[in-house]
């Protein structure tokens, strides 16, 4: 019997950029970064919600996974946690699985070292998905930080896939 490939929408939330990735089986069907830094703070959450809704409609994932966030007493800083809460509500509304994972757990799965660096994560992800290699070497430090959001989202999807899908048997 052929096993169905589950599609995962992974989000690496940030107040300046939001990394996203859509992983279906062994295929990365979408990945990128939603730039938020030039938007007014009161428009960022609205923009994120609209884009995530669009990704769910277009890619039809079976699961939404988000990097773990925490509440913050400052309202605009709490927007980071609101992204996670929105992902949970959206998953519930569409009957999708939902999970959050800490960055350390993701790095442990992807690198074998929970204290690895973002650069190490990016290198492993780019080695697995060769078209992403173009984003590894940047001429400006801000560009490197920008694209690391995408690499973190891809790593998050890989971590979820590793935890939820049994390994395939080779004969």
Foldseek 3Di string as FASTA:
>chain_A
DDDFWFWEWFWEDDQAKIWIWIDTHLDTPDTFIDGDNPPPLVCRLVVLLVVVVVCCVVVVGQEYEYEDDDADPDVSVRSRVVSLVSRVVVCVVVVHHYYYHHQLLLCCVQPVGSPDDLLVLQVSQCVSVVVSVVQNDDPDPVSVVRCSNRSSRVSRVVSVCPVPPDDDDDD
